[in-house]
Protein backbone atom coordinates (compact mmCIF):
# COMPACT_ATOMS: atom_id res chain seq x y z
CA MET A 1 119.11 27.59 101.50
CA ALA A 2 120.77 28.55 104.96
CA ILE A 3 120.88 25.85 107.50
CA GLU A 4 117.74 26.80 109.86
CA VAL A 5 118.15 23.45 112.54
CA PHE A 6 121.28 22.91 113.94
CA ASN A 7 122.22 20.01 116.56
CA ARG A 8 126.01 19.75 117.34
CA TYR A 9 128.13 19.84 120.60
CA GLU A 10 130.23 23.22 121.06
CA ASN A 11 133.71 23.16 122.99
CA LYS A 12 135.35 26.62 123.38
CA TYR A 13 139.30 27.82 123.66
CA LEU A 14 140.82 31.04 124.49
CA MET A 15 143.78 32.31 122.87
CA ASP A 16 146.33 34.84 121.51
CA THR A 17 147.09 35.98 118.58
CA LYS A 18 150.23 33.78 118.18
CA ALA A 19 148.26 30.55 119.16
CA PHE A 20 145.48 31.59 116.78
CA TYR A 21 148.19 31.40 113.85
CA ASN A 22 149.93 28.55 114.94
CA ILE A 23 146.61 26.31 115.04
CA TYR A 24 145.10 27.94 112.16
CA ASN A 25 147.88 27.07 109.59
CA ASP A 26 148.11 23.31 110.97
CA LEU A 27 144.07 23.49 110.55
CA MET A 28 144.36 24.61 106.87
CA ALA A 29 145.79 20.99 106.28
CA TYR A 30 142.30 19.72 107.06
CA MET A 31 139.92 22.57 106.49
CA GLU A 32 138.87 25.21 104.26
CA PRO A 33 137.37 28.76 104.78
CA ASP A 34 133.97 29.83 104.69
CA GLU A 35 132.90 31.61 101.65
CA ASN A 36 132.50 34.72 103.26
CA ASN A 37 136.41 34.40 104.56
CA LYS A 38 137.68 34.39 101.04
CA ASP A 39 140.88 36.28 100.91
CA ASP A 40 141.49 36.15 104.56
CA LYS A 41 138.70 38.78 104.82
CA PHE A 42 136.64 38.65 108.34
CA TYR A 43 132.90 38.71 108.44
CA THR A 44 130.83 40.48 111.06
CA ILE A 45 128.20 39.15 112.95
CA SER A 46 125.65 41.42 115.11
CA ASN A 47 123.35 40.06 117.57
CA LEU A 48 120.70 41.66 119.77
CA TYR A 49 119.77 39.53 122.86
CA TYR A 50 116.58 39.58 124.51
CA ASP A 51 115.87 39.08 128.06
CA THR A 52 113.63 39.51 131.04
CA GLU A 53 113.77 42.84 133.05
CA HIS A 54 115.27 40.98 135.88
CA HIS A 55 117.85 38.85 133.27
CA SER A 56 116.37 35.96 134.39
CA LEU A 57 117.32 34.23 130.92
CA ILE A 58 120.98 34.53 131.40
CA ARG A 59 120.78 34.25 135.56
CA THR A 60 119.47 30.69 134.65
CA SER A 61 122.16 29.91 131.75
CA LEU A 62 124.73 30.85 134.08
CA ALA A 63 123.57 28.46 136.94
CA LYS A 64 124.44 25.86 134.14
CA PRO A 65 120.90 23.76 134.71
CA LYS A 66 120.72 20.57 131.98
CA TYR A 67 118.39 22.87 129.90
CA ARG A 68 118.55 26.30 129.00
CA GLU A 69 117.50 28.79 126.43
CA LYS A 70 118.24 32.01 124.77
CA LEU A 71 116.20 34.30 122.30
CA ARG A 72 118.44 36.67 119.62
CA ILE A 73 118.09 38.66 116.41
CA ARG A 74 121.11 37.79 114.26
CA SER A 75 122.58 40.09 111.49
CA TYR A 76 125.64 39.40 108.97
CA GLY A 77 126.96 43.03 109.02
CA VAL A 78 125.01 46.14 109.66
CA PRO A 79 121.50 45.55 108.43
CA GLY A 80 118.96 48.35 107.12
CA SER A 81 115.76 48.42 108.11
CA ASP A 82 114.49 45.87 105.67
CA ALA A 83 117.11 43.64 105.49
CA LYS A 84 117.23 39.85 105.87
CA VAL A 85 117.90 38.94 109.57
CA TYR A 86 117.78 35.64 111.74
CA LEU A 87 115.56 35.14 114.55
CA GLU A 88 117.03 32.38 116.30
CA LEU A 89 116.27 30.46 119.57
CA LYS A 90 119.23 28.74 120.90
CA LYS A 91 118.77 25.80 123.57
CA LYS A 92 120.95 23.87 125.36
CA VAL A 93 120.36 20.31 126.55
CA PHE A 94 123.00 17.97 128.43
CA GLY A 95 125.68 19.58 126.58
CA LEU A 96 123.98 19.23 123.43
CA VAL A 97 123.30 22.88 121.57
CA ASN A 98 120.25 22.77 119.39
CA LYS A 99 119.64 26.34 117.18
CA ARG A 100 116.17 26.95 115.42
CA ARG A 101 116.28 30.14 113.22
CA THR A 102 114.08 31.71 110.57
CA SER A 103 114.69 34.63 108.39
CA LEU A 104 112.71 37.62 108.64
CA ARG A 105 113.20 41.17 107.60
CA LEU A 106 114.52 43.15 110.58
CA ASN A 107 111.74 45.11 111.31
CA GLU A 108 109.44 42.14 111.44
CA ALA A 109 111.78 40.62 113.67
CA TYR A 110 111.63 43.72 115.91
CA GLU A 111 107.62 43.21 115.93
CA PHE A 112 107.54 39.39 116.70
CA ALA A 113 109.66 39.80 119.52
CA ARG A 114 108.05 42.96 120.81
CA THR A 115 104.50 41.41 120.56
CA GLY A 116 104.73 37.99 120.47
CA GLU A 117 102.57 37.63 117.28
CA ALA A 118 104.33 36.19 113.97
CA PRO A 119 104.51 37.86 111.03
CA ALA A 120 102.18 36.87 107.92
CA TYR A 121 103.18 33.96 106.47
CA ARG A 122 105.60 34.01 103.44
CA LYS A 123 107.99 31.65 101.44
CA GLY A 124 111.38 31.62 102.90
CA MET A 125 110.14 31.30 106.39
CA ASN A 126 110.39 28.70 108.62
CA GLN A 127 106.97 27.82 109.81
CA GLN A 128 107.60 25.15 112.42
CA VAL A 129 110.36 27.50 113.88
CA ILE A 130 108.33 30.17 113.89
CA ARG A 131 105.73 28.09 115.96
CA GLU A 132 108.31 27.24 118.41
CA ILE A 133 109.49 31.11 118.81
CA GLU A 134 105.89 32.14 119.19
CA TYR A 135 105.22 29.68 122.14
CA PHE A 136 108.77 30.82 123.78
CA LEU A 137 107.76 34.27 123.89
CA SER A 138 104.39 33.88 125.27
CA ARG A 139 106.40 32.39 128.15
CA TYR A 140 108.36 35.40 128.90
CA GLU A 141 108.16 39.01 129.14
CA LEU A 142 111.29 39.96 127.08
CA GLN A 143 113.13 43.25 125.68
CA PRO A 144 116.06 43.73 124.00
CA MET A 145 118.84 43.99 126.70
CA VAL A 146 122.53 43.69 124.97
CA TYR A 147 124.11 44.32 121.81
CA LEU A 148 127.07 41.66 120.99
CA ALA A 149 129.26 41.80 117.51
CA TYR A 150 132.44 40.39 116.87
CA ASP A 151 134.62 39.29 113.59
CA ARG A 152 134.71 35.71 112.46
CA ILE A 153 136.95 33.45 110.70
CA ALA A 154 134.92 30.17 109.99
CA LEU A 155 136.41 27.05 108.55
CA PHE A 156 135.03 23.57 107.54
CA CYS A 157 136.36 20.50 107.57
CA LYS A 158 137.14 19.55 103.40
CA GLY A 159 134.56 16.41 102.88
CA ASN A 160 132.74 16.61 106.10
CA ARG A 161 130.69 19.86 106.49
CA ASP A 162 129.20 18.64 109.77
CA LEU A 163 132.61 19.86 111.62
CA ARG A 164 133.12 23.71 111.92
CA ILE A 165 135.79 25.65 113.49
CA THR A 166 135.09 29.31 113.78
CA PHE A 167 137.60 32.21 115.68
CA ASP A 168 135.82 35.20 116.98
CA THR A 169 137.99 38.40 117.69
CA ASN A 170 137.25 42.15 118.72
CA ILE A 171 134.22 41.03 120.54
CA ARG A 172 132.15 44.25 121.65
CA SER A 173 128.76 44.94 123.50
CA ARG A 174 126.60 47.94 124.44
CA ARG A 175 123.78 48.11 126.47
CA TYR A 176 122.36 51.30 125.10
CA ASP A 177 121.08 52.15 121.62
CA LEU A 178 119.75 48.52 120.99
CA ARG A 179 119.20 48.30 117.24
CA LEU A 180 121.04 46.39 114.95
CA GLU A 181 121.15 49.09 112.05
CA ALA A 182 122.52 51.73 114.48
CA GLY A 183 126.06 50.10 114.10
CA ASP A 184 128.55 47.32 115.00
CA TYR A 185 130.32 49.36 117.47
CA GLY A 186 130.32 48.59 121.40
CA ASP A 187 132.99 48.39 124.67
CA GLN A 188 135.38 45.62 124.30
CA LEU A 189 134.34 42.33 126.36
CA ILE A 190 137.58 40.78 126.02
CA GLU A 191 141.09 42.19 125.04
CA ARG A 192 142.47 43.18 121.89
CA GLY A 193 144.08 40.23 120.29
CA GLN A 194 142.04 37.59 122.14
CA TRP A 195 140.83 34.92 120.28
CA LEU A 196 137.81 32.50 121.21
CA MET A 197 137.85 29.36 119.14
CA GLU A 198 134.91 27.05 119.13
CA VAL A 199 134.85 23.52 117.67
CA LYS A 200 131.19 22.29 116.55
CA ALA A 201 130.58 18.75 115.36
CA GLU A 202 127.81 17.00 115.49
CA LYS A 203 129.56 13.73 116.81
CA THR A 204 133.04 13.37 118.13
CA ILE A 205 135.69 15.42 116.73
CA PRO A 206 138.27 13.24 114.67
CA VAL A 207 141.15 11.97 115.94
CA TRP A 208 143.71 14.17 114.01
CA LEU A 209 141.82 17.10 115.45
CA SER A 210 142.06 15.90 119.10
CA LYS A 211 145.63 15.20 118.44
CA MET A 212 146.37 19.09 117.07
CA LEU A 213 144.49 20.35 120.28
CA SER A 214 147.06 18.21 122.48
CA ASP A 215 149.76 19.37 120.53
CA HIS A 216 148.80 23.26 120.72
CA GLN A 217 148.27 22.73 124.50
CA MET A 218 144.30 23.72 124.12
CA TYR A 219 142.19 23.55 126.82
CA ARG A 220 138.63 23.78 126.80
CA THR A 221 136.65 26.88 128.44
CA SER A 222 133.50 27.60 129.58
CA PHE A 223 133.01 31.02 127.72
CA SER A 224 129.59 32.82 126.91
CA LYS A 225 129.65 35.86 125.30
CA TYR A 226 125.86 36.97 127.01
CA GLY A 227 126.98 35.58 129.67
CA ASN A 228 130.35 37.45 130.09
CA GLU A 229 129.31 40.47 129.06
CA TYR A 230 126.43 40.27 132.05
CA LYS A 231 128.85 39.24 134.46
CA LYS A 232 131.01 42.45 133.15
CA SER A 233 128.03 44.95 133.20
CA ILE A 234 125.90 44.02 135.73
CA ARG A 235 126.36 41.32 138.02
CA ASN A 236 130.04 42.01 139.10
CA ALA A 237 129.60 45.98 138.56
CA PRO A 238 129.52 48.45 141.50
CA ILE A 239 126.20 49.10 142.70
CA VAL A 240 126.10 52.37 141.35
CA GLU A 241 127.21 51.48 138.17
CA ARG A 242 124.99 48.97 138.11
CA GLU A 243 121.82 51.19 138.61
CA ARG A 244 123.01 53.58 136.19
CA VAL A 245 123.05 50.51 133.41
CA VAL A 246 119.66 49.20 134.35
CA LEU A 247 117.89 52.58 134.47
């Protein structure tokens, strides 16, 4: 069964392709690829983020309060209308990331997010998470706001599955055709050849990893995919362009 509740710290690093290969090759002495990355293949993650009409969730998140939250539907690849997806509630409290999700069919996830009414329970759903999402939806009037997809390579530490490192590239987004089943296309969010590495651990990272990051001159950065998309498409867009996007 897929893990549905996560509590961990996440540190992010931006790098170019050369830096990616250098650190990736060194990491393989301690880590192993996710089962979806066997044979050096990427897997694609697609997300549909929900927000209020005035972008209050992402605007609050960018202000970096001690508590922030987001809601999204996530799929692996491009789903069909009856495919399994995850409805996820992601929170960050004093730097600790808490992610709670339940599996649903795509149409169920759309309807739940639209109406706030939970689907009829069946085996495979997480009832506790559904209740939490139901409460979250009762507090906001949400709508699908942005689509984000990226290609991922994920690694797990050998003998310690609590340490996970992911590399995302080809990050793309769109604010139209907001359906996961419509395809994983969009405008580039960061330059091609750029990679976002995320180090995810329940506790402190091991000494060997700390030394490796230092040896490769990797420095933490603050990078939210949805946050950067919002700044690029809405907050920092020219007034005319901003009005076109909103409409």
